[in-house]
Amino acid sequence: MKVSVGHGLPGAEKRLEERGVSRRDFMKFCGTVAAAMGMGPAFATQVAAALTADNRPSVIWLHNAECTGCSESILRMASIDGKTAYIDTLILDVISLEYQETIMAAAGEMAEKALHDAMKKPYLCVAEGGIPMKDGGIYGMVGGHTMIDICKKVIPGALATIAYGTCATFGGVQAAKPNPTDAKGFTEVFPKATIINIAGCPPNPYNLVGAVVAAIMTVTKGAPLPKLDDLKRPVAFYGETVHDKCERLKYFEKDMFAKSFDSAEAKKGYCLYKLGCKGPYTYNNCPTKKFNPLDKGVGVNWPVQAGHPCIGCSEPKFWDTMSPFYEEQK
């Protein structure tokens, strides 16, 4: 199949060039997304086609009970091989984000109008944060409306909803005991909706972009949604445990463990399991995708590489079931 990359979006291509990012750099980005999705390099062309298709849906991004760290994670996905950041072009033009309370210029009535206008045409929803449900949802409000009421207006009409971050997927810290606002994740509140869970606190932003691309390809090309696990997480991102791919696995297999964070064993990179690492019980691609600006398609670091145990943040109820975080899991 012949694919016309950039068809219908000459403005996006021009803006990329103005930011010092060539078509070649954009294709590198698409290749990285393809790799995150578990596809081969040739799939980059299809990613580029999806991100620049004339009929791609817009994206409505909702904020609920959260710290906005998930938004920060994607806003800091800012370079390809050290090149100039172009997240503004990627988000605003390519992904076609039309409503996002954190980064949009509009406020008040104009912001509400932007949301209503975005809902008049086909759209995907990215949802960040858990939903407070107690007392009719009065413990979480935006523009005088409860978060649950806003979600009830947006989610049913979305082609698909991508719950971004552990607060949106499973309730997160808001849902930790005693959960005073009765916060819940989107799957629990909207069991009949088409939801893709991108868990993590925060998740790797490329997992989000990969999910958005997959959803766009479903809409524009009729492609199937990505294979999901029993928690509705894409298997491509959450198919293996953190432990399976950890660079410290060789020490675990030899029973070589760090005794404390300042011990000689810790400085040598020994396994952190005895210090509370939850990697064997956590499904995520942190060791292979890593975080922070990319260098040759891979982030520069992740918690365990930096010397901190995995705390299991992509698992349901991890605040309750994985803590104390610095003690060996029993």
Protein backbone atom coordinates (compact mmCIF):
# COMPACT_ATOMS: atom_id res chain seq x y z
CA MET A 1 0.00 0.00 0.00
CA LYS A 2 1.39 3.39 -0.98
CA VAL A 3 1.11 5.95 1.80
CA SER A 4 1.29 9.69 1.31
CA VAL A 5 3.00 11.04 4.41
CA GLY A 6 1.75 14.45 5.46
CA HIS A 7 -1.16 14.49 3.02
CA GLY A 8 -3.68 17.12 4.02
CA LEU A 9 -1.39 18.78 6.58
CA PRO A 10 1.11 21.01 4.77
CA GLY A 11 0.86 23.45 7.68
CA ALA A 12 2.19 20.91 10.14
CA GLU A 13 5.10 20.08 7.89
CA LYS A 14 5.90 23.76 7.49
CA ARG A 15 5.79 24.37 11.23
CA LEU A 16 8.07 21.40 11.84
CA GLU A 17 10.58 22.88 9.42
CA GLU A 18 10.31 26.28 11.10
CA ARG A 19 11.18 24.60 14.40
CA GLY A 20 14.21 22.99 12.81
CA VAL A 21 12.66 19.53 12.56
CA SER A 22 12.85 17.96 9.13
CA ARG A 23 10.60 15.30 7.63
CA ARG A 24 13.41 12.89 8.40
CA ASP A 25 13.28 13.83 12.10
CA PHE A 26 9.50 13.45 12.11
CA MET A 27 9.87 9.99 10.60
CA LYS A 28 12.38 9.13 13.35
CA PHE A 29 9.74 10.13 15.87
CA CYS A 30 7.18 7.95 14.10
CA GLY A 31 9.68 5.09 14.11
CA THR A 32 10.09 5.46 17.87
CA VAL A 33 6.32 5.37 18.33
CA ALA A 34 6.16 2.28 16.09
CA ALA A 35 8.83 0.60 18.21
CA ALA A 36 6.93 1.44 21.39
CA MET A 37 3.87 -0.18 19.82
CA GLY A 38 5.87 -3.36 19.21
CA MET A 39 6.00 -2.88 15.44
CA GLY A 40 8.93 -2.98 13.03
CA PRO A 41 10.63 0.11 11.53
CA ALA A 42 8.51 -0.13 8.37
CA PHE A 43 5.43 0.62 10.47
CA ALA A 44 6.73 4.19 10.93
CA THR A 45 5.21 5.14 7.59
CA GLN A 46 1.78 4.02 8.75
CA VAL A 47 2.21 5.94 12.02
CA ALA A 48 3.07 9.08 10.05
CA ALA A 49 0.08 8.53 7.78
CA ALA A 50 -2.25 8.18 10.77
CA LEU A 51 -0.92 11.31 12.45
CA THR A 52 -1.37 13.37 9.28
CA ALA A 53 -4.57 11.84 7.87
CA ASP A 54 -7.25 14.29 6.74
CA ASN A 55 -9.96 12.34 8.54
CA ARG A 56 -8.18 11.79 11.83
CA PRO A 57 -10.36 12.62 14.85
CA SER A 58 -9.60 15.49 17.17
CA VAL A 59 -8.58 14.85 20.78
CA ILE A 60 -10.35 16.14 23.87
CA TRP A 61 -8.19 15.93 27.01
CA LEU A 62 -10.03 15.95 30.33
CA HIS A 63 -8.51 16.68 33.74
CA ASN A 64 -9.94 15.16 36.88
CA ALA A 65 -8.49 14.46 40.35
CA GLU A 66 -4.73 14.30 39.76
CA CYS A 67 -1.46 16.23 40.03
CA THR A 68 -1.06 16.95 36.28
CA GLY A 69 2.15 14.91 36.29
CA CYS A 70 0.85 12.87 33.35
CA SER A 71 0.46 16.04 31.28
CA GLU A 72 3.95 17.05 32.38
CA SER A 73 5.33 13.72 31.17
CA ILE A 74 4.17 14.31 27.63
CA LEU A 75 5.08 18.00 27.65
CA ARG A 76 8.64 16.93 28.47
CA MET A 77 8.73 14.45 25.60
CA ALA A 78 10.59 17.20 23.88
CA SER A 79 13.41 16.05 21.65
CA ILE A 80 14.48 13.50 19.09
CA ASP A 81 18.18 12.63 19.16
CA GLY A 82 18.88 15.93 20.91
CA LYS A 83 17.09 18.05 18.30
CA THR A 84 14.95 21.10 19.15
CA ALA A 85 11.67 20.45 20.93
CA TYR A 86 8.51 20.49 18.82
CA ILE A 87 5.92 19.26 21.27
CA ASP A 88 3.68 22.23 20.43
CA THR A 89 3.46 21.21 16.79
CA LEU A 90 3.11 17.53 17.61
CA ILE A 91 0.30 18.07 20.10
CA LEU A 92 -1.59 20.97 18.55
CA ASP A 93 -1.27 20.15 14.87
CA VAL A 94 -0.47 16.48 14.43
CA ILE A 95 -2.46 14.87 17.24
CA SER A 96 -5.08 17.63 16.77
CA LEU A 97 -5.65 18.40 20.42
CA GLU A 98 -8.59 20.80 20.66
CA TYR A 99 -9.28 20.94 24.40
CA GLN A 100 -6.79 20.61 27.26
CA GLU A 101 -7.28 22.77 30.33
CA THR A 102 -3.61 22.88 31.31
CA ILE A 103 -2.10 24.21 28.09
CA MET A 104 -5.00 25.92 26.28
CA ALA A 105 -5.07 29.72 26.14
CA ALA A 106 -8.84 29.97 26.48
CA ALA A 107 -10.49 30.29 29.89
CA GLY A 108 -13.99 30.61 31.30
CA GLU A 109 -16.81 30.67 28.75
CA MET A 110 -14.41 30.45 25.82
CA ALA A 111 -12.91 27.25 27.25
CA GLU A 112 -16.35 25.70 27.64
CA LYS A 113 -17.22 26.74 24.09
CA ALA A 114 -14.03 25.06 22.85
CA LEU A 115 -15.10 21.83 24.53
CA HIS A 116 -18.63 21.95 23.10
CA ASP A 117 -17.33 22.78 19.61
CA ALA A 118 -14.83 19.90 19.76
CA MET A 119 -17.66 17.49 20.56
CA LYS A 120 -19.55 18.39 17.39
CA LYS A 121 -17.22 16.25 15.25
CA PRO A 122 -15.59 12.83 15.73
CA TYR A 123 -13.18 12.84 18.65
CA LEU A 124 -11.03 10.71 20.90
CA CYS A 125 -10.85 11.41 24.60
CA VAL A 126 -7.70 11.37 26.72
CA ALA A 127 -8.70 11.35 30.39
CA GLU A 128 -6.28 12.21 33.17
CA GLY A 129 -7.09 11.76 36.86
CA GLY A 130 -9.54 9.76 38.91
CA ILE A 131 -13.21 10.72 39.20
CA PRO A 132 -14.52 11.76 42.64
CA MET A 133 -17.91 10.07 43.05
CA LYS A 134 -18.93 10.79 46.65
CA ASP A 135 -21.87 13.15 47.26
CA GLY A 136 -22.60 13.47 43.57
CA GLY A 137 -19.00 14.34 42.71
CA ILE A 138 -18.85 17.73 44.47
CA TYR A 139 -15.23 17.16 45.55
CA GLY A 140 -13.96 17.72 42.03
CA MET A 141 -15.28 20.56 39.88
CA VAL A 142 -14.21 22.41 36.71
CA GLY A 143 -15.96 25.60 35.64
CA GLY A 144 -18.80 25.03 38.09
CA HIS A 145 -19.46 21.50 36.82
CA THR A 146 -18.57 18.31 38.63
CA MET A 147 -15.92 16.21 36.96
CA ILE A 148 -18.29 13.26 36.74
CA ASP A 149 -20.90 15.38 34.94
CA ILE A 150 -18.33 16.59 32.41
CA CYS A 151 -17.15 13.04 31.84
CA LYS A 152 -20.72 11.83 31.39
CA LYS A 153 -21.14 14.37 28.60
CA VAL A 154 -17.85 13.56 26.85
CA ILE A 155 -17.11 9.83 27.28
CA PRO A 156 -20.28 8.34 25.67
CA GLY A 157 -19.67 10.28 22.45
CA ALA A 158 -15.95 9.50 22.18
CA LEU A 159 -14.77 7.03 19.55
CA ALA A 160 -12.48 5.70 22.29
CA THR A 161 -11.20 6.93 25.64
CA ILE A 162 -7.56 6.61 26.65
CA ALA A 163 -7.26 6.70 30.44
CA TYR A 164 -3.82 8.23 30.92
CA GLY A 165 -2.07 7.55 34.21
CA THR A 166 -2.87 5.36 37.18
CA CYS A 167 -5.32 7.87 38.64
CA ALA A 168 -7.44 7.65 35.49
CA THR A 169 -7.01 3.91 35.07
CA PHE A 170 -7.45 2.68 38.65
CA GLY A 171 -8.15 5.73 40.83
CA GLY A 172 -4.54 6.32 41.89
CA VAL A 173 -3.56 8.04 45.13
CA GLN A 174 -7.04 9.57 45.44
CA ALA A 175 -8.47 6.06 45.72
CA ALA A 176 -5.99 4.95 48.39
CA LYS A 177 -7.47 4.06 51.75
CA PRO A 178 -9.60 5.60 53.15
CA ASN A 179 -10.51 7.14 49.74
CA PRO A 180 -12.50 10.06 51.24
CA THR A 181 -13.89 11.27 47.88
CA ASP A 182 -14.71 7.76 46.59
CA ALA A 183 -12.41 8.30 43.61
CA LYS A 184 -12.63 5.72 40.84
CA GLY A 185 -10.92 4.94 37.55
CA PHE A 186 -12.67 5.31 34.21
CA THR A 187 -13.13 1.60 33.58
CA GLU A 188 -15.08 1.28 36.80
CA VAL A 189 -17.24 4.34 36.16
CA PHE A 190 -17.82 3.68 32.44
CA PRO A 191 -17.77 -0.13 32.08
CA LYS A 192 -19.47 -0.07 28.66
CA ALA A 193 -17.17 2.55 27.07
CA THR A 194 -14.26 1.68 24.78
CA ILE A 195 -11.34 2.38 27.09
CA ILE A 196 -7.60 1.84 26.72
CA ASN A 197 -5.70 2.06 30.00
CA ILE A 198 -2.22 3.61 29.95
CA ALA A 199 -1.19 3.04 33.55
CA GLY A 200 1.78 4.58 35.35
CA CYS A 201 2.56 7.45 37.71
CA PRO A 202 3.35 8.96 35.32
CA PRO A 203 3.32 6.67 32.28
CA ASN A 204 5.91 6.85 29.57
CA PRO A 205 4.53 9.44 27.11
CA TYR A 206 5.32 7.22 24.13
CA ASN A 207 2.84 4.71 25.49
CA LEU A 208 0.19 7.42 25.25
CA VAL A 209 1.17 8.50 21.74
CA GLY A 210 1.20 4.86 20.68
CA ALA A 211 -2.32 4.40 22.04
CA VAL A 212 -3.52 7.57 20.29
CA VAL A 213 -1.99 6.39 17.02
CA ALA A 214 -3.64 2.98 17.39
CA ALA A 215 -7.01 4.61 18.04
CA ILE A 216 -6.59 6.95 15.07
CA MET A 217 -5.72 4.02 12.82
CA THR A 218 -8.83 2.23 14.04
CA VAL A 219 -10.94 5.23 13.04
CA THR A 220 -9.22 6.12 9.77
CA LYS A 221 -8.12 2.70 8.49
CA GLY A 222 -10.45 0.27 10.23
CA ALA A 223 -7.50 -1.34 11.99
CA PRO A 224 -8.27 -3.34 15.16
CA LEU A 225 -7.57 -1.76 18.51
CA PRO A 226 -4.36 -2.99 20.15
CA LYS A 227 -4.50 -6.25 22.08
CA LEU A 228 -5.30 -5.50 25.73
CA ASP A 229 -4.65 -7.44 28.91
CA ASP A 230 -7.36 -8.17 31.48
CA LEU A 231 -6.88 -4.66 32.90
CA LYS A 232 -7.38 -3.08 29.44
CA ARG A 233 -3.71 -2.14 29.13
CA PRO A 234 -2.03 -2.60 25.71
CA VAL A 235 -0.01 -5.82 25.79
CA ALA A 236 2.66 -4.13 23.65
CA PHE A 237 3.45 -1.83 26.59
CA TYR A 238 2.39 -3.93 29.57
CA GLY A 239 2.99 -7.49 28.40
CA GLU A 240 6.05 -8.16 30.58
CA THR A 241 7.02 -7.32 34.11
CA VAL A 242 9.52 -4.62 34.96
CA HIS A 243 11.56 -7.42 36.52
CA ASP A 244 11.72 -9.37 33.24
CA LYS A 245 13.65 -6.61 31.45
CA CYS A 246 15.50 -5.00 34.36
CA GLU A 247 19.24 -4.50 33.91
CA ARG A 248 19.69 -5.68 37.52
CA LEU A 249 18.01 -9.04 36.84
CA LYS A 250 21.36 -10.81 36.60
CA TYR A 251 22.07 -9.87 40.23
CA PHE A 252 18.64 -11.06 41.37
CA GLU A 253 19.28 -14.45 39.77
CA LYS A 254 22.57 -14.70 41.68
CA ASP A 255 21.01 -13.60 45.01
CA MET A 256 23.12 -10.47 44.99
CA PHE A 257 21.09 -7.75 46.71
CA ALA A 258 21.77 -4.21 47.90
CA LYS A 259 21.60 -4.07 51.71
CA SER A 260 20.92 -0.34 51.92
CA PHE A 261 20.81 2.60 49.53
CA ASP A 262 24.27 3.77 50.56
CA SER A 263 25.87 0.30 50.67
CA ALA A 264 28.74 -0.85 48.51
CA GLU A 265 26.36 -3.33 46.87
CA ALA A 266 23.99 -0.54 45.86
CA LYS A 267 26.84 1.41 44.31
CA LYS A 268 27.77 -1.66 42.28
CA GLY A 269 24.23 -1.85 40.86
CA TYR A 270 23.04 -4.92 42.78
CA CYS A 271 19.34 -5.86 42.81
CA LEU A 272 17.03 -3.62 44.85
CA TYR A 273 14.46 -6.31 45.69
CA LYS A 274 15.36 -6.40 49.40
CA LEU A 275 14.93 -2.61 49.49
CA GLY A 276 11.34 -2.84 48.33
CA CYS A 277 11.52 -3.12 44.54
CA LYS A 278 8.12 -4.23 43.20
CA GLY A 279 9.40 -4.99 39.69
CA PRO A 280 8.45 -8.71 39.79
CA TYR A 281 4.80 -7.75 40.38
CA THR A 282 4.56 -4.79 38.01
CA TYR A 283 3.78 -4.84 34.30
CA ASN A 284 5.31 -1.98 32.32
CA ASN A 285 7.98 -1.23 29.71
CA CYS A 286 9.99 1.21 31.87
CA PRO A 287 13.33 -0.67 31.52
CA THR A 288 13.22 -0.73 27.73
CA LYS A 289 11.58 2.61 26.89
CA LYS A 290 12.86 4.70 29.82
CA PHE A 291 12.04 8.38 30.39
CA ASN A 292 13.24 11.90 29.64
CA PRO A 293 14.31 13.29 26.23
CA LEU A 294 15.19 10.63 23.73
CA ASP A 295 18.63 9.69 22.49
CA LYS A 296 18.54 7.29 19.57
CA GLY A 297 14.92 6.41 20.28
CA VAL A 298 15.36 5.49 23.96
CA GLY A 299 14.91 7.64 27.06
CA VAL A 300 17.96 8.33 29.16
CA ASN A 301 16.91 6.84 32.51
CA TRP A 302 14.27 5.16 34.66
CA PRO A 303 13.87 4.76 38.45
CA VAL A 304 15.74 1.49 38.99
CA GLN A 305 18.64 2.57 36.79
CA ALA A 306 18.81 5.74 38.90
CA GLY A 307 18.98 3.65 42.08
CA HIS A 308 15.35 3.76 43.26
CA PRO A 309 13.15 0.66 43.61
CA CYS A 310 10.11 0.22 41.40
CA ILE A 311 7.03 1.06 43.49
CA GLY A 312 4.53 -0.75 41.24
CA CYS A 313 2.82 2.41 40.03
CA SER A 314 1.13 0.84 36.99
CA GLU A 315 -0.79 -1.70 39.08
CA PRO A 316 -4.29 -1.30 40.62
CA LYS A 317 -4.35 -0.08 44.23
CA PHE A 318 -0.55 0.06 44.34
CA TRP A 319 -0.63 2.67 47.11
CA ASP A 320 -2.30 0.10 49.35
CA THR A 321 -1.01 -3.25 48.08
CA MET A 322 2.62 -2.31 47.30
CA SER A 323 3.40 -0.25 50.38
CA PRO A 324 5.50 0.15 52.48
CA PHE A 325 7.52 1.01 49.39
CA TYR A 326 10.93 0.43 50.96
CA GLU A 327 10.26 -2.97 52.41
CA GLU A 328 10.46 -6.33 50.65
CA GLN A 329 7.08 -7.43 49.29
CA LYS A 330 5.54 -10.13 51.46
